[in-house]
Amino acid sequence: IAEVHRLELTVVNRADDATFRFMTIDHDGKIRMDCSSPYAM
């Protein structure tokens, strides 16, 4: 997307790991890739 549309875009996390160990913990103590949660984000 960045290349085709000439965007100044930085991917800050390139991790590909099905444990999602790079995530920060959500509000309830679970790993959850919820981009609406300030804790997961």
All heavy atoms as atom14 arrays in JSON, in Angstrom:
{
  "sequence": "IAEVHRLELTVVNRADDATFRFMTIDHDGKIRMDCSSPYAM",
  "atom14_mask": [
    [1, 1, 1, 1, 1, 1, 1, 1, 0, 0, 0, 0, 0, 0],
    [1, 1, 1, 1, 1, 0, 0, 0, 0, 0, 0, 0, 0, 0],
    [1, 1, 1, 1, 1, 1, 1, 1, 1, 0, 0, 0, 0, 0],
    [1, 1, 1, 1, 1, 1, 1, 0, 0, 0, 0, 0, 0, 0],
    [1, 1, 1, 1, 1, 1, 1, 1, 1, 1, 0, 0, 0, 0],
    [1, 1, 1, 1, 1, 1, 1, 1, 1, 1, 1, 0, 0, 0],
    [1, 1, 1, 1, 1, 1, 1, 1, 0, 0, 0, 0, 0, 0],
    [1, 1, 1, 1, 1, 1, 1, 1, 1, 0, 0, 0, 0, 0],
    [1, 1, 1, 1, 1, 1, 1, 1, 0, 0, 0, 0, 0, 0],
    [1, 1, 1, 1, 1, 1, 1, 0, 0, 0, 0, 0, 0, 0],
    [1, 1, 1, 1, 1, 1, 1, 0, 0, 0, 0, 0, 0, 0],
    [1, 1, 1, 1, 1, 1, 1, 0, 0, 0, 0, 0, 0, 0],
    [1, 1, 1, 1, 1, 1, 1, 1, 0, 0, 0, 0, 0, 0],
    [1, 1, 1, 1, 1, 1, 1, 1, 1, 1, 1, 0, 0, 0],
    [1, 1, 1, 1, 1, 0, 0, 0, 0, 0, 0, 0, 0, 0],
    [1, 1, 1, 1, 1, 1, 1, 1, 0, 0, 0, 0, 0, 0],
    [1, 1, 1, 1, 1, 1, 1, 1, 0, 0, 0, 0, 0, 0],
    [1, 1, 1, 1, 1, 0, 0, 0, 0, 0, 0, 0, 0, 0],
    [1, 1, 1, 1, 1, 1, 1, 0, 0, 0, 0, 0, 0, 0],
    [1, 1, 1, 1, 1, 1, 1, 1, 1, 1, 1, 0, 0, 0],
    [1, 1, 1, 1, 1, 1, 1, 1, 1, 1, 1, 0, 0, 0],
    [1, 1, 1, 1, 1, 1, 1, 1, 1, 1, 1, 0, 0, 0],
    [1, 1, 1, 1, 1, 1, 1, 1, 0, 0, 0, 0, 0, 0],
    [1, 1, 1, 1, 1, 1, 1, 0, 0, 0, 0, 0, 0, 0],
    [1, 1, 1, 1, 1, 1, 1, 1, 0, 0, 0, 0, 0, 0],
    [1, 1, 1, 1, 1, 1, 1, 1, 0, 0, 0, 0, 0, 0],
    [1, 1, 1, 1, 1, 1, 1, 1, 1, 1, 0, 0, 0, 0],
    [1, 1, 1, 1, 1, 1, 1, 1, 0, 0, 0, 0, 0, 0],
    [1, 1, 1, 1, 0, 0, 0, 0, 0, 0, 0, 0, 0, 0],
    [1, 1, 1, 1, 1, 1, 1, 1, 1, 0, 0, 0, 0, 0],
    [1, 1, 1, 1, 1, 1, 1, 1, 0, 0, 0, 0, 0, 0],
    [1, 1, 1, 1, 1, 1, 1, 1, 1, 1, 1, 0, 0, 0],
    [1, 1, 1, 1, 1, 1, 1, 1, 0, 0, 0, 0, 0, 0],
    [1, 1, 1, 1, 1, 1, 1, 1, 0, 0, 0, 0, 0, 0],
    [1, 1, 1, 1, 1, 1, 0, 0, 0, 0, 0, 0, 0, 0],
    [1, 1, 1, 1, 1, 1, 0, 0, 0, 0, 0, 0, 0, 0],
    [1, 1, 1, 1, 1, 1, 0, 0, 0, 0, 0, 0, 0, 0],
    [1, 1, 1, 1, 1, 1, 1, 0, 0, 0, 0, 0, 0, 0],
    [1, 1, 1, 1, 1, 1, 1, 1, 1, 1, 1, 1, 0, 0],
    [1, 1, 1, 1, 1, 0, 0, 0, 0, 0, 0, 0, 0, 0],
    [1, 1, 1, 1, 1, 1, 1, 1, 0, 0, 0, 0, 0, 0]
  ],
  "atom14_positions": [
    [[0.84, -1.2, 0.0], [0.0, 0.0, 0.0], [0.87, 1.25, 0.0], [0.64, 2.2, -0.76], [-0.96, -0.02, 1.21], [-2.0, -1.11, 1.04], [-1.63, 1.34, 1.39], [-2.85, -1.36, 2.27], [0.0, 0.0, 0.0], [0.0, 0.0, 0.0], [0.0, 0.0, 0.0], [0.0, 0.0, 0.0], [0.0, 0.0, 0.0], [0.0, 0.0, 0.0]],
    [[1.91, 1.24, 0.84], [2.81, 2.4, 0.92], [3.54, 2.62, -0.39], [3.69, 3.75, -0.87], [3.8, 2.21, 2.06], [0.0, 0.0, 0.0], [0.0, 0.0, 0.0], [0.0, 0.0, 0.0], [0.0, 0.0, 0.0], [0.0, 0.0, 0.0], [0.0, 0.0, 0.0], [0.0, 0.0, 0.0], [0.0, 0.0, 0.0], [0.0, 0.0, 0.0]],
    [[4.0, 1.52, -1.01], [4.75, 1.63, -2.26], [3.86, 2.14, -3.4], [4.23, 3.08, -4.12], [5.32, 0.26, -2.62], [6.06, 0.23, -3.94], [6.49, -1.18, -4.33], [6.16, -2.14, -3.6], [7.14, -1.32, -5.37], [0.0, 0.0, 0.0], [0.0, 0.0, 0.0], [0.0, 0.0, 0.0], [0.0, 0.0, 0.0], [0.0, 0.0, 0.0]],
    [[2.7, 1.54, -3.58], [1.83, 1.9, -4.7], [1.3, 3.32, -4.57], [1.22, 4.07, -5.56], [0.66, 0.88, -4.8], [-0.4, 1.38, -5.79], [1.19, -0.47, -5.24], [0.0, 0.0, 0.0], [0.0, 0.0, 0.0], [0.0, 0.0, 0.0], [0.0, 0.0, 0.0], [0.0, 0.0, 0.0], [0.0, 0.0, 0.0], [0.0, 0.0, 0.0]],
    [[0.97, 3.72, -3.35], [0.35, 5.03, -3.14], [1.33, 6.08, -2.6], [0.91, 7.18, -2.25], [-0.86, 4.88, -2.23], [-1.93, 4.0, -2.81], [-2.76, 4.41, -3.81], [-2.25, 2.69, -2.56], [-3.58, 3.42, -4.15], [-3.3, 2.37, -3.4], [0.0, 0.0, 0.0], [0.0, 0.0, 0.0], [0.0, 0.0, 0.0], [0.0, 0.0, 0.0]],
    [[2.62, 5.71, -2.53], [3.69, 6.64, -2.19], [3.46, 7.32, -0.84], [3.53, 8.54, -0.71], [3.87, 7.68, -3.31], [4.21, 7.04, -4.66], [4.39, 8.07, -5.74], [4.7, 7.42, -7.01], [4.92, 8.08, -8.16], [4.85, 9.4, -8.18], [5.19, 7.42, -9.27], [0.0, 0.0, 0.0], [0.0, 0.0, 0.0], [0.0, 0.0, 0.0]],
    [[3.19, 6.51, 0.13], [2.89, 7.02, 1.47], [4.12, 6.97, 2.36], [4.97, 6.08, 2.24], [1.78, 6.18, 2.11], [0.45, 6.12, 1.36], [-0.5, 5.16, 2.07], [-0.18, 7.5, 1.22], [0.0, 0.0, 0.0], [0.0, 0.0, 0.0], [0.0, 0.0, 0.0], [0.0, 0.0, 0.0], [0.0, 0.0, 0.0], [0.0, 0.0, 0.0]],
    [[4.21, 7.92, 3.29], [5.24, 7.88, 4.32], [4.7, 7.04, 5.47], [4.15, 7.55, 6.45], [5.59, 9.29, 4.79], [6.34, 10.1, 3.76], [6.96, 11.36, 4.36], [7.11, 11.43, 5.6], [7.27, 12.28, 3.58], [0.0, 0.0, 0.0], [0.0, 0.0, 0.0], [0.0, 0.0, 0.0], [0.0, 0.0, 0.0], [0.0, 0.0, 0.0]],
    [[4.82, 5.75, 5.34], [4.16, 4.81, 6.24], [5.2, 3.91, 6.89], [6.06, 3.34, 6.2], [3.14, 3.99, 5.45], [2.22, 3.03, 6.21], [0.89, 2.88, 5.49], [2.86, 1.64, 6.35], [0.0, 0.0, 0.0], [0.0, 0.0, 0.0], [0.0, 0.0, 0.0], [0.0, 0.0, 0.0], [0.0, 0.0, 0.0], [0.0, 0.0, 0.0]],
    [[5.11, 3.77, 8.18], [6.03, 2.92, 8.94], [5.26, 1.81, 9.63], [4.3, 2.07, 10.37], [6.77, 3.74, 10.01], [7.49, 4.81, 9.39], [7.74, 2.86, 10.78], [0.0, 0.0, 0.0], [0.0, 0.0, 0.0], [0.0, 0.0, 0.0], [0.0, 0.0, 0.0], [0.0, 0.0, 0.0], [0.0, 0.0, 0.0], [0.0, 0.0, 0.0]],
    [[5.64, 0.58, 9.36], [5.07, -0.56, 10.08], [5.89, -0.73, 11.36], [7.07, -1.07, 11.31], [5.12, -1.85, 9.23], [4.56, -3.03, 10.02], [4.32, -1.66, 7.93], [0.0, 0.0, 0.0], [0.0, 0.0, 0.0], [0.0, 0.0, 0.0], [0.0, 0.0, 0.0], [0.0, 0.0, 0.0], [0.0, 0.0, 0.0], [0.0, 0.0, 0.0]],
    [[5.28, -0.48, 12.49], [6.02, -0.43, 13.76], [6.18, -1.81, 14.4], [6.97, -1.96, 15.34], [5.34, 0.53, 14.75], [5.22, 1.92, 14.15], [3.97, 0.01, 15.2], [0.0, 0.0, 0.0], [0.0, 0.0, 0.0], [0.0, 0.0, 0.0], [0.0, 0.0, 0.0], [0.0, 0.0, 0.0], [0.0, 0.0, 0.0], [0.0, 0.0, 0.0]],
    [[5.45, -2.79, 13.91], [5.52, -4.14, 14.5], [5.37, -5.16, 13.38], [4.31, -5.28, 12.78], [4.41, -4.31, 15.53], [4.29, -5.75, 16.04], [5.24, -6.53, 15.93], [3.14, -6.09, 16.57], [0.0, 0.0, 0.0], [0.0, 0.0, 0.0], [0.0, 0.0, 0.0], [0.0, 0.0, 0.0], [0.0, 0.0, 0.0], [0.0, 0.0, 0.0]],
    [[6.45, -5.87, 13.08], [6.42, -6.87, 12.0], [6.38, -8.3, 12.54], [6.64, -9.25, 11.8], [7.63, -6.68, 11.08], [7.6, -5.35, 10.32], [8.74, -5.23, 9.33], [8.67, -3.98, 8.6], [7.95, -3.8, 7.49], [7.26, -4.81, 6.98], [7.93, -2.62, 6.9], [0.0, 0.0, 0.0], [0.0, 0.0, 0.0], [0.0, 0.0, 0.0]],
    [[6.03, -8.46, 13.78], [6.01, -9.79, 14.38], [4.92, -10.66, 13.75], [3.81, -10.2, 13.52], [5.78, -9.69, 15.88], [0.0, 0.0, 0.0], [0.0, 0.0, 0.0], [0.0, 0.0, 0.0], [0.0, 0.0, 0.0], [0.0, 0.0, 0.0], [0.0, 0.0, 0.0], [0.0, 0.0, 0.0], [0.0, 0.0, 0.0], [0.0, 0.0, 0.0]],
    [[5.29, -11.9, 13.45], [4.35, -12.9, 12.94], [4.51, -14.14, 13.82], [5.36, -14.98, 13.57], [4.64, -13.21, 11.47], [3.68, -14.24, 10.87], [2.73, -14.63, 11.57], [3.89, -14.65, 9.72], [0.0, 0.0, 0.0], [0.0, 0.0, 0.0], [0.0, 0.0, 0.0], [0.0, 0.0, 0.0], [0.0, 0.0, 0.0], [0.0, 0.0, 0.0]],
    [[3.74, -14.21, 14.86], [3.89, -15.24, 15.88], [2.5, -15.59, 16.4], [1.82, -14.75, 16.99], [4.78, -14.72, 17.02], [5.02, -15.73, 18.11], [4.27, -16.73, 18.2], [5.96, -15.52, 18.9], [0.0, 0.0, 0.0], [0.0, 0.0, 0.0], [0.0, 0.0, 0.0], [0.0, 0.0, 0.0], [0.0, 0.0, 0.0], [0.0, 0.0, 0.0]],
    [[2.08, -16.82, 16.18], [0.7, -17.21, 16.51], [0.42, -17.26, 18.01], [-0.74, -17.38, 18.41], [0.37, -18.56, 15.89], [0.0, 0.0, 0.0], [0.0, 0.0, 0.0], [0.0, 0.0, 0.0], [0.0, 0.0, 0.0], [0.0, 0.0, 0.0], [0.0, 0.0, 0.0], [0.0, 0.0, 0.0], [0.0, 0.0, 0.0], [0.0, 0.0, 0.0]],
    [[1.45, -17.14, 18.86], [1.19, -16.98, 20.29], [0.81, -15.54, 20.61], [0.29, -15.28, 21.69], [2.41, -17.36, 21.15], [3.47, -16.41, 20.9], [2.89, -18.77, 20.84], [0.0, 0.0, 0.0], [0.0, 0.0, 0.0], [0.0, 0.0, 0.0], [0.0, 0.0, 0.0], [0.0, 0.0, 0.0], [0.0, 0.0, 0.0], [0.0, 0.0, 0.0]],
    [[1.11, -14.63, 19.7], [0.87, -13.19, 19.9], [1.56, -12.7, 21.17], [1.04, -11.85, 21.9], [-0.63, -12.87, 19.92], [-1.3, -13.12, 18.59], [-1.83, -14.37, 18.28], [-1.39, -12.12, 17.64], [-2.44, -14.61, 17.05], [-2.0, -12.35, 16.4], [-2.53, -13.59, 16.11], [0.0, 0.0, 0.0], [0.0, 0.0, 0.0], [0.0, 0.0, 0.0]],
    [[2.75, -13.21, 21.41], [3.5, -12.88, 22.63], [3.92, -11.41, 22.67], [4.3, -10.9, 23.73], [4.73, -13.79, 22.75], [5.79, -13.56, 21.68], [6.98, -14.49, 21.86], [6.63, -15.87, 21.59], [6.88, -16.87, 22.44], [7.44, -16.64, 23.6], [6.53, -18.1, 22.11], [0.0, 0.0, 0.0], [0.0, 0.0, 0.0], [0.0, 0.0, 0.0]],
    [[3.89, -10.73, 21.54], [4.3, -9.33, 21.47], [3.2, -8.37, 21.92], [3.42, -7.17, 22.03], [4.68, -8.99, 20.02], [3.65, -9.45, 19.03], [2.52, -8.71, 18.76], [3.81, -10.68, 18.38], [1.56, -9.16, 17.87], [2.85, -11.13, 17.49], [1.72, -10.37, 17.23], [0.0, 0.0, 0.0], [0.0, 0.0, 0.0], [0.0, 0.0, 0.0]],
    [[1.99, -8.9, 22.16], [0.87, -8.05, 22.55], [0.99, -7.61, 24.01], [1.6, -8.29, 24.83], [-0.45, -8.79, 22.36], [-0.85, -8.99, 20.91], [-1.18, -7.45, 20.04], [-2.51, -6.75, 21.03], [0.0, 0.0, 0.0], [0.0, 0.0, 0.0], [0.0, 0.0, 0.0], [0.0, 0.0, 0.0], [0.0, 0.0, 0.0], [0.0, 0.0, 0.0]],
    [[0.36, -6.46, 24.3], [0.15, -6.08, 25.7], [-1.22, -6.61, 26.13], [-2.14, -6.75, 25.31], [0.22, -4.56, 25.87], [-0.61, -3.92, 24.89], [1.64, -4.06, 25.71], [0.0, 0.0, 0.0], [0.0, 0.0, 0.0], [0.0, 0.0, 0.0], [0.0, 0.0, 0.0], [0.0, 0.0, 0.0], [0.0, 0.0, 0.0], [0.0, 0.0, 0.0]],
    [[-1.34, -6.91, 27.4], [-2.5, -7.61, 27.94], [-3.74, -6.71, 27.96], [-3.66, -5.53, 28.27], [-2.19, -8.12, 29.36], [-1.01, -9.1, 29.31], [-3.41, -8.8, 29.98], [-1.25, -10.32, 28.47], [0.0, 0.0, 0.0], [0.0, 0.0, 0.0], [0.0, 0.0, 0.0], [0.0, 0.0, 0.0], [0.0, 0.0, 0.0], [0.0, 0.0, 0.0]],
    [[-4.88, -7.3, 27.63], [-6.14, -6.56, 27.62], [-6.65, -6.36, 29.06], [-6.07, -6.86, 30.03], [-7.17, -7.29, 26.77], [-8.25, -6.37, 26.22], [-8.19, -5.15, 26.5], [-9.15, -6.85, 25.53], [0.0, 0.0, 0.0], [0.0, 0.0, 0.0], [0.0, 0.0, 0.0], [0.0, 0.0, 0.0], [0.0, 0.0, 0.0], [0.0, 0.0, 0.0]],
    [[-7.76, -5.69, 29.2], [-8.3, -5.27, 30.5], [-8.56, -6.41, 31.46], [-8.5, -6.25, 32.68], [-9.6, -4.49, 30.28], [-10.71, -5.34, 29.71], [-11.63, -6.0, 30.49], [-11.01, -5.65, 28.42], [-12.46, -6.69, 29.72], [-12.12, -6.49, 28.46], [0.0, 0.0, 0.0], [0.0, 0.0, 0.0], [0.0, 0.0, 0.0], [0.0, 0.0, 0.0]],
    [[-8.83, -7.62, 30.9], [-9.23, -8.75, 31.74], [-8.12, -9.78, 31.94], [-8.36, -10.88, 32.42], [-10.46, -9.44, 31.15], [-10.22, -9.89, 29.71], [-9.14, -9.62, 29.16], [-11.14, -10.52, 29.14], [0.0, 0.0, 0.0], [0.0, 0.0, 0.0], [0.0, 0.0, 0.0], [0.0, 0.0, 0.0], [0.0, 0.0, 0.0], [0.0, 0.0, 0.0]],
    [[-6.9, -9.43, 31.55], [-5.78, -10.34, 31.75], [-5.55, -11.31, 30.61], [-4.7, -12.2, 30.73], [0.0, 0.0, 0.0], [0.0, 0.0, 0.0], [0.0, 0.0, 0.0], [0.0, 0.0, 0.0], [0.0, 0.0, 0.0], [0.0, 0.0, 0.0], [0.0, 0.0, 0.0], [0.0, 0.0, 0.0], [0.0, 0.0, 0.0], [0.0, 0.0, 0.0]],
    [[-6.26, -11.15, 29.5], [-6.11, -12.05, 28.36], [-5.36, -11.35, 27.22], [-5.39, -10.12, 27.11], [-7.48, -12.51, 27.85], [-8.23, -13.39, 28.83], [-9.53, -13.9, 28.22], [-10.25, -14.83, 29.18], [-11.51, -15.37, 28.57], [0.0, 0.0, 0.0], [0.0, 0.0, 0.0], [0.0, 0.0, 0.0], [0.0, 0.0, 0.0], [0.0, 0.0, 0.0]],
    [[-4.71, -12.17, 26.39], [-4.15, -11.64, 25.15], [-5.31, -11.54, 24.17], [-5.99, -12.52, 23.87], [-3.06, -12.58, 24.58], [-1.87, -12.65, 25.53], [-2.61, -12.09, 23.21], [-0.79, -13.62, 25.08], [0.0, 0.0, 0.0], [0.0, 0.0, 0.0], [0.0, 0.0, 0.0], [0.0, 0.0, 0.0], [0.0, 0.0, 0.0], [0.0, 0.0, 0.0]],
    [[-5.54, -10.35, 23.71], [-6.64, -10.12, 22.78], [-6.24, -9.01, 21.81], [-5.88, -7.92, 22.24], [-7.92, -9.76, 23.54], [-9.15, -9.67, 22.66], [-10.4, -9.3, 23.46], [-10.84, -10.38, 24.34], [-10.73, -10.38, 25.66], [-10.17, -9.34, 26.26], [-11.17, -11.38, 26.38], [0.0, 0.0, 0.0], [0.0, 0.0, 0.0], [0.0, 0.0, 0.0]],
    [[-6.32, -9.26, 20.51], [-5.87, -8.29, 19.52], [-7.0, -7.33, 19.18], [-7.44, -7.2, 18.03], [-5.36, -9.02, 18.28], [-4.06, -9.78, 18.49], [-4.14, -11.12, 19.71], [-5.17, -12.31, 18.84], [0.0, 0.0, 0.0], [0.0, 0.0, 0.0], [0.0, 0.0, 0.0], [0.0, 0.0, 0.0], [0.0, 0.0, 0.0], [0.0, 0.0, 0.0]],
    [[-7.45, -6.64, 20.21], [-8.6, -5.75, 20.1], [-8.11, -4.32, 19.94], [-7.68, -3.68, 20.91], [-9.49, -5.88, 21.34], [-10.75, -5.04, 21.26], [-10.92, -4.32, 20.25], [-11.57, -5.11, 22.18], [0.0, 0.0, 0.0], [0.0, 0.0, 0.0], [0.0, 0.0, 0.0], [0.0, 0.0, 0.0], [0.0, 0.0, 0.0], [0.0, 0.0, 0.0]],
    [[-8.19, -3.8, 18.71], [-7.66, -2.46, 18.45], [-8.56, -1.36, 18.97], [-8.25, -0.17, 18.82], [-7.39, -2.29, 16.95], [-8.77, -2.74, 15.9], [0.0, 0.0, 0.0], [0.0, 0.0, 0.0], [0.0, 0.0, 0.0], [0.0, 0.0, 0.0], [0.0, 0.0, 0.0], [0.0, 0.0, 0.0], [0.0, 0.0, 0.0], [0.0, 0.0, 0.0]],
    [[-9.69, -1.71, 19.62], [-10.52, -0.71, 20.28], [-10.17, -0.59, 21.77], [-10.71, 0.26, 22.46], [-12.01, -1.05, 20.14], [-12.33, -2.23, 20.87], [0.0, 0.0, 0.0], [0.0, 0.0, 0.0], [0.0, 0.0, 0.0], [0.0, 0.0, 0.0], [0.0, 0.0, 0.0], [0.0, 0.0, 0.0], [0.0, 0.0, 0.0], [0.0, 0.0, 0.0]],
    [[-9.25, -1.45, 22.22], [-8.87, -1.45, 23.63], [-7.57, -0.67, 23.83], [-6.55, -1.01, 23.22], [-8.69, -2.88, 24.13], [-8.01, -2.9, 25.37], [0.0, 0.0, 0.0], [0.0, 0.0, 0.0], [0.0, 0.0, 0.0], [0.0, 0.0, 0.0], [0.0, 0.0, 0.0], [0.0, 0.0, 0.0], [0.0, 0.0, 0.0], [0.0, 0.0, 0.0]],
    [[-7.55, 0.33, 24.71], [-6.29, 1.06, 24.96], [-5.24, 0.18, 25.62], [-4.05, 0.5, 25.54], [-6.72, 2.2, 25.89], [-7.98, 1.72, 26.54], [-8.66, 0.87, 25.51], [0.0, 0.0, 0.0], [0.0, 0.0, 0.0], [0.0, 0.0, 0.0], [0.0, 0.0, 0.0], [0.0, 0.0, 0.0], [0.0, 0.0, 0.0], [0.0, 0.0, 0.0]],
    [[-5.66, -0.9, 26.24], [-4.69, -1.8, 26.88], [-4.01, -2.7, 25.85], [-2.8, -2.88, 25.88], [-5.4, -2.63, 27.96], [-6.14, -1.75, 28.93], [-7.53, -1.62, 28.87], [-5.45, -1.0, 29.88], [-8.22, -0.77, 29.74], [-6.12, -0.15, 30.76], [-7.51, -0.04, 30.67], [-8.18, 0.8, 31.52], [0.0, 0.0, 0.0], [0.0, 0.0, 0.0]],
    [[-4.79, -3.23, 24.92], [-4.21, -4.03, 23.84], [-3.4, -3.16, 22.89], [-2.45, -3.63, 22.25], [-5.31, -4.75, 23.08], [0.0, 0.0, 0.0], [0.0, 0.0, 0.0], [0.0, 0.0, 0.0], [0.0, 0.0, 0.0], [0.0, 0.0, 0.0], [0.0, 0.0, 0.0], [0.0, 0.0, 0.0], [0.0, 0.0, 0.0], [0.0, 0.0, 0.0]],
    [[-3.76, -1.88, 22.8], [-3.09, -0.95, 21.89], [-1.99, -0.14, 22.59], [-1.46, 0.82, 22.02], [-4.12, 0.02, 21.31], [-5.07, -0.6, 20.31], [-4.4, -0.61, 18.64], [-4.72, 1.1, 18.17], [0.0, 0.0, 0.0], [0.0, 0.0, 0.0], [0.0, 0.0, 0.0], [0.0, 0.0, 0.0], [0.0, 0.0, 0.0], [0.0, 0.0, 0.0]]
  ]
}
